[in-house]
C-alpha cells in the first residue's frame, strides 16, 4: 500500500439511471482510482460505497469533496468522502 492514500466515498439517494456513471466520471476526470466498489438497491433507494486511492489525484481532498458534493446534488444523491483511517475509527465496534 506504499504511496496510496485511501478514502471512502458513500452515496445514498433515490435510484435512477446514471448514478454510478456520474460519480465515477468525477473520479476518473481527477485521477482517482477505484480500488473497490459495492452498491445495493433496496426498493427505490440506492446506496454505494467506494474505496478509492486519491494519492495521484490532480485535486486536493477538499476540491474532490466539493466536486463530488456538486455531482451528488445534480444526481439527487448525498455523496460524502472521508479518509479511510477516519472512516474506520468512526465505525469501530
N, C-alpha and C. Protein backbone atom coordinates (compact mmCIF):
# COMPACT_ATOMS: atom_id res chain seq x y z
N UNK A 1 0.81 -1.20 0.00
CA UNK A 1 0.00 0.00 0.00
C UNK A 1 0.85 1.26 0.00
N UNK A 2 2.15 1.13 -0.20
CA UNK A 2 3.02 2.29 -0.22
C UNK A 2 2.58 3.24 -1.33
N UNK A 3 2.51 4.52 -1.01
CA UNK A 3 2.13 5.53 -1.98
C UNK A 3 0.64 5.71 -2.16
N UNK A 4 -0.16 4.87 -1.55
CA UNK A 4 -1.61 5.01 -1.69
C UNK A 4 -2.15 5.91 -0.58
N UNK A 5 -3.16 6.66 -0.93
CA UNK A 5 -3.90 7.48 0.03
C UNK A 5 -5.36 7.08 -0.14
N UNK A 6 -5.82 6.19 0.73
CA UNK A 6 -7.15 5.62 0.58
C UNK A 6 -8.23 6.47 1.24
N UNK A 7 -9.37 6.52 0.57
CA UNK A 7 -10.53 7.24 1.08
C UNK A 7 -11.77 6.41 0.79
N UNK A 8 -12.82 6.68 1.54
CA UNK A 8 -14.10 6.00 1.37
C UNK A 8 -15.14 7.03 0.93
N UNK A 9 -15.84 6.69 -0.13
CA UNK A 9 -16.92 7.54 -0.63
C UNK A 9 -18.23 6.79 -0.41
N UNK A 10 -19.22 7.48 0.15
CA UNK A 10 -20.55 6.91 0.30
C UNK A 10 -21.53 7.76 -0.49
N UNK A 11 -22.52 7.10 -1.07
CA UNK A 11 -23.54 7.81 -1.84
C UNK A 11 -24.89 7.16 -1.57
N UNK A 12 -25.89 7.98 -1.28
CA UNK A 12 -27.24 7.49 -0.97
C UNK A 12 -28.27 8.38 -1.66
N UNK A 13 -29.33 7.76 -2.14
CA UNK A 13 -30.41 8.54 -2.73
C UNK A 13 -31.40 7.66 -3.48
N UNK A 14 -32.32 8.31 -4.14
CA UNK A 14 -33.34 7.59 -4.92
C UNK A 14 -32.68 7.04 -6.17
N UNK A 15 -32.96 5.76 -6.46
CA UNK A 15 -32.34 5.10 -7.61
C UNK A 15 -32.82 5.70 -8.93
N UNK A 16 -31.88 5.83 -9.85
CA UNK A 16 -32.19 6.21 -11.22
C UNK A 16 -30.98 5.91 -12.08
N UNK A 17 -31.15 5.93 -13.37
CA UNK A 17 -30.07 5.65 -14.32
C UNK A 17 -28.97 6.70 -14.21
N UNK A 18 -27.71 6.25 -14.26
CA UNK A 18 -26.57 7.16 -14.35
C UNK A 18 -25.88 7.51 -13.05
N UNK A 19 -26.32 6.96 -11.93
CA UNK A 19 -25.73 7.33 -10.65
C UNK A 19 -24.26 6.90 -10.54
N UNK A 20 -23.99 5.63 -10.83
CA UNK A 20 -22.60 5.13 -10.77
C UNK A 20 -21.75 5.86 -11.80
N UNK A 21 -22.28 6.04 -12.98
CA UNK A 21 -21.53 6.72 -14.05
C UNK A 21 -21.17 8.16 -13.67
N UNK A 22 -22.10 8.87 -13.05
CA UNK A 22 -21.84 10.26 -12.67
C UNK A 22 -20.74 10.38 -11.63
N UNK A 23 -20.80 9.56 -10.60
CA UNK A 23 -19.79 9.62 -9.54
C UNK A 23 -18.44 9.14 -10.08
N UNK A 24 -18.43 8.03 -10.83
CA UNK A 24 -17.16 7.51 -11.33
C UNK A 24 -16.54 8.43 -12.37
N UNK A 25 -17.34 9.18 -13.10
CA UNK A 25 -16.81 10.16 -14.06
C UNK A 25 -15.99 11.23 -13.34
N UNK A 26 -16.53 11.75 -12.25
CA UNK A 26 -15.81 12.76 -11.46
C UNK A 26 -14.47 12.19 -10.98
N UNK A 27 -14.49 10.95 -10.52
CA UNK A 27 -13.26 10.32 -10.04
C UNK A 27 -12.25 10.17 -11.17
N UNK A 28 -12.67 9.63 -12.30
CA UNK A 28 -11.77 9.40 -13.43
C UNK A 28 -11.17 10.70 -13.95
N UNK A 29 -11.99 11.74 -14.05
CA UNK A 29 -11.51 13.02 -14.57
C UNK A 29 -10.46 13.67 -13.66
N UNK A 30 -10.38 13.22 -12.41
CA UNK A 30 -9.47 13.83 -11.46
C UNK A 30 -8.39 12.88 -10.96
N UNK A 31 -8.15 11.80 -11.70
CA UNK A 31 -7.05 10.90 -11.40
C UNK A 31 -7.23 10.05 -10.16
N UNK A 32 -8.48 9.78 -9.79
CA UNK A 32 -8.78 8.96 -8.61
C UNK A 32 -9.06 7.54 -9.08
N UNK A 33 -8.35 6.57 -8.49
CA UNK A 33 -8.53 5.17 -8.87
C UNK A 33 -9.52 4.48 -7.93
N UNK A 34 -10.47 3.76 -8.51
CA UNK A 34 -11.41 2.97 -7.71
C UNK A 34 -10.74 1.65 -7.36
N UNK A 35 -10.60 1.39 -6.07
CA UNK A 35 -9.99 0.15 -5.57
C UNK A 35 -11.05 -0.93 -5.36
N UNK A 36 -12.21 -0.53 -4.89
CA UNK A 36 -13.30 -1.48 -4.62
C UNK A 36 -14.61 -0.70 -4.62
N UNK A 37 -15.70 -1.36 -5.00
CA UNK A 37 -16.99 -0.70 -5.07
C UNK A 37 -18.08 -1.70 -4.70
N UNK A 38 -19.02 -1.24 -3.90
CA UNK A 38 -20.18 -2.05 -3.55
C UNK A 38 -21.41 -1.17 -3.66
N UNK A 39 -22.45 -1.72 -4.25
CA UNK A 39 -23.70 -0.96 -4.34
C UNK A 39 -24.87 -1.89 -4.11
N UNK A 40 -25.95 -1.30 -3.67
CA UNK A 40 -27.18 -2.07 -3.49
C UNK A 40 -28.37 -1.16 -3.75
N UNK A 41 -29.46 -1.79 -4.11
CA UNK A 41 -30.70 -1.06 -4.31
C UNK A 41 -31.77 -1.78 -3.49
N UNK A 42 -32.40 -1.05 -2.60
CA UNK A 42 -33.49 -1.60 -1.78
C UNK A 42 -34.74 -0.83 -2.17
N UNK A 43 -35.65 -1.54 -2.85
CA UNK A 43 -36.84 -0.93 -3.45
C UNK A 43 -36.36 0.19 -4.37
N UNK A 44 -36.59 1.44 -4.06
CA UNK A 44 -36.14 2.50 -4.96
C UNK A 44 -35.01 3.34 -4.38
N UNK A 45 -34.36 2.83 -3.32
CA UNK A 45 -33.25 3.56 -2.69
C UNK A 45 -31.91 2.95 -3.10
N UNK A 46 -30.99 3.81 -3.50
CA UNK A 46 -29.67 3.41 -3.98
C UNK A 46 -28.65 3.73 -2.90
N UNK A 47 -27.73 2.80 -2.65
CA UNK A 47 -26.63 3.01 -1.71
C UNK A 47 -25.35 2.46 -2.34
N UNK A 48 -24.27 3.23 -2.23
CA UNK A 48 -23.00 2.81 -2.80
C UNK A 48 -21.87 3.20 -1.85
N UNK A 49 -20.88 2.32 -1.76
CA UNK A 49 -19.66 2.60 -1.00
C UNK A 49 -18.49 2.29 -1.93
N UNK A 50 -17.57 3.24 -2.04
CA UNK A 50 -16.42 3.09 -2.94
C UNK A 50 -15.14 3.33 -2.15
N UNK A 51 -14.20 2.41 -2.27
CA UNK A 51 -12.86 2.59 -1.72
C UNK A 51 -12.00 3.12 -2.86
N UNK A 52 -11.37 4.27 -2.66
CA UNK A 52 -10.61 4.92 -3.73
C UNK A 52 -9.20 5.27 -3.25
N UNK A 53 -8.30 5.37 -4.22
CA UNK A 53 -6.94 5.86 -3.97
C UNK A 53 -6.87 7.27 -4.53
N UNK A 54 -6.73 8.26 -3.64
CA UNK A 54 -6.67 9.66 -4.07
C UNK A 54 -5.23 10.17 -4.12
N UNK A 55 -4.27 9.28 -3.91
CA UNK A 55 -2.86 9.66 -3.83
C UNK A 55 -2.30 10.31 -5.08
N UNK A 56 -2.83 9.96 -6.24
CA UNK A 56 -2.33 10.52 -7.50
C UNK A 56 -3.32 11.49 -8.14
N UNK A 57 -4.28 11.91 -7.37
CA UNK A 57 -5.30 12.82 -7.90
C UNK A 57 -4.69 14.17 -8.24
N UNK A 58 -5.25 14.78 -9.25
CA UNK A 58 -4.84 16.13 -9.65
C UNK A 58 -5.48 17.20 -8.76
N UNK A 59 -6.34 16.78 -7.84
CA UNK A 59 -7.07 17.71 -6.96
C UNK A 59 -6.76 17.46 -5.50
N UNK A 60 -6.97 18.46 -4.68
CA UNK A 60 -6.84 18.30 -3.23
C UNK A 60 -8.06 17.55 -2.70
N UNK A 61 -7.96 17.06 -1.47
CA UNK A 61 -9.08 16.37 -0.84
C UNK A 61 -10.30 17.28 -0.79
N UNK A 62 -10.11 18.53 -0.39
CA UNK A 62 -11.23 19.47 -0.30
C UNK A 62 -11.87 19.73 -1.67
N UNK A 63 -11.05 19.83 -2.70
CA UNK A 63 -11.60 20.02 -4.05
C UNK A 63 -12.42 18.80 -4.48
N UNK A 64 -11.90 17.60 -4.21
CA UNK A 64 -12.65 16.38 -4.54
C UNK A 64 -13.97 16.34 -3.80
N UNK A 65 -13.93 16.70 -2.53
CA UNK A 65 -15.14 16.71 -1.71
C UNK A 65 -16.18 17.64 -2.32
N UNK A 66 -15.76 18.82 -2.73
CA UNK A 66 -16.68 19.79 -3.33
C UNK A 66 -17.23 19.29 -4.67
N UNK A 67 -16.37 18.73 -5.49
CA UNK A 67 -16.81 18.23 -6.80
C UNK A 67 -17.79 17.06 -6.66
N UNK A 68 -17.52 16.16 -5.73
CA UNK A 68 -18.42 15.02 -5.50
C UNK A 68 -19.76 15.49 -4.93
N UNK A 69 -19.71 16.46 -4.05
CA UNK A 69 -20.94 17.01 -3.48
C UNK A 69 -21.78 17.68 -4.56
N UNK A 70 -21.13 18.43 -5.43
CA UNK A 70 -21.84 19.11 -6.52
C UNK A 70 -22.46 18.08 -7.48
N UNK A 71 -21.70 17.04 -7.83
CA UNK A 71 -22.24 16.00 -8.72
C UNK A 71 -23.38 15.25 -8.02
N UNK A 72 -23.23 15.00 -6.73
CA UNK A 72 -24.30 14.37 -5.97
C UNK A 72 -25.58 15.19 -6.03
N UNK A 73 -25.44 16.49 -5.86
CA UNK A 73 -26.61 17.37 -5.95
C UNK A 73 -27.28 17.29 -7.31
N UNK A 74 -26.49 17.23 -8.35
CA UNK A 74 -27.02 17.12 -9.71
C UNK A 74 -27.76 15.79 -9.90
N UNK A 75 -27.24 14.74 -9.24
CA UNK A 75 -27.83 13.40 -9.39
C UNK A 75 -28.92 13.09 -8.36
N UNK A 76 -29.10 13.96 -7.39
CA UNK A 76 -30.07 13.69 -6.33
C UNK A 76 -29.53 12.73 -5.28
N UNK A 77 -28.20 12.72 -5.10
CA UNK A 77 -27.55 11.84 -4.13
C UNK A 77 -26.88 12.65 -3.04
N UNK A 78 -26.78 12.05 -1.87
CA UNK A 78 -25.91 12.60 -0.83
C UNK A 78 -24.59 11.84 -0.96
N UNK A 79 -23.53 12.56 -1.33
CA UNK A 79 -22.22 11.94 -1.55
C UNK A 79 -21.24 12.53 -0.56
N UNK A 80 -20.53 11.65 0.14
CA UNK A 80 -19.51 12.08 1.12
C UNK A 80 -18.22 11.31 0.89
N UNK A 81 -17.11 11.95 1.22
CA UNK A 81 -15.81 11.31 1.14
C UNK A 81 -15.08 11.56 2.45
N UNK A 82 -14.38 10.53 2.92
CA UNK A 82 -13.52 10.71 4.10
C UNK A 82 -12.33 9.78 3.99
N UNK A 83 -11.24 10.19 4.63
CA UNK A 83 -10.05 9.34 4.63
C UNK A 83 -10.39 8.01 5.28
N UNK A 84 -9.82 6.93 4.74
CA UNK A 84 -10.15 5.57 5.19
C UNK A 84 -9.87 5.39 6.68
N UNK A 85 -8.77 5.93 7.19
CA UNK A 85 -8.47 5.75 8.61
C UNK A 85 -9.51 6.41 9.51
N UNK A 86 -10.03 7.54 9.10
CA UNK A 86 -11.08 8.22 9.87
C UNK A 86 -12.37 7.40 9.80
N UNK A 87 -12.69 6.91 8.62
CA UNK A 87 -13.88 6.08 8.44
C UNK A 87 -13.81 4.86 9.36
N UNK A 88 -12.66 4.20 9.39
CA UNK A 88 -12.50 3.00 10.23
C UNK A 88 -12.63 3.33 11.71
N UNK A 89 -12.08 4.45 12.14
CA UNK A 89 -12.20 4.86 13.55
C UNK A 89 -13.65 5.15 13.92
N UNK A 90 -14.37 5.76 13.01
CA UNK A 90 -15.78 6.11 13.29
C UNK A 90 -16.66 4.86 13.38
N UNK A 91 -16.28 3.78 12.70
CA UNK A 91 -17.14 2.61 12.62
C UNK A 91 -16.59 1.41 13.37
N UNK A 92 -15.70 1.66 14.31
CA UNK A 92 -15.19 0.58 15.16
C UNK A 92 -16.22 0.20 16.19
N UNK A 93 -16.36 -1.09 16.41
CA UNK A 93 -17.34 -1.58 17.41
C UNK A 93 -16.64 -1.84 18.71
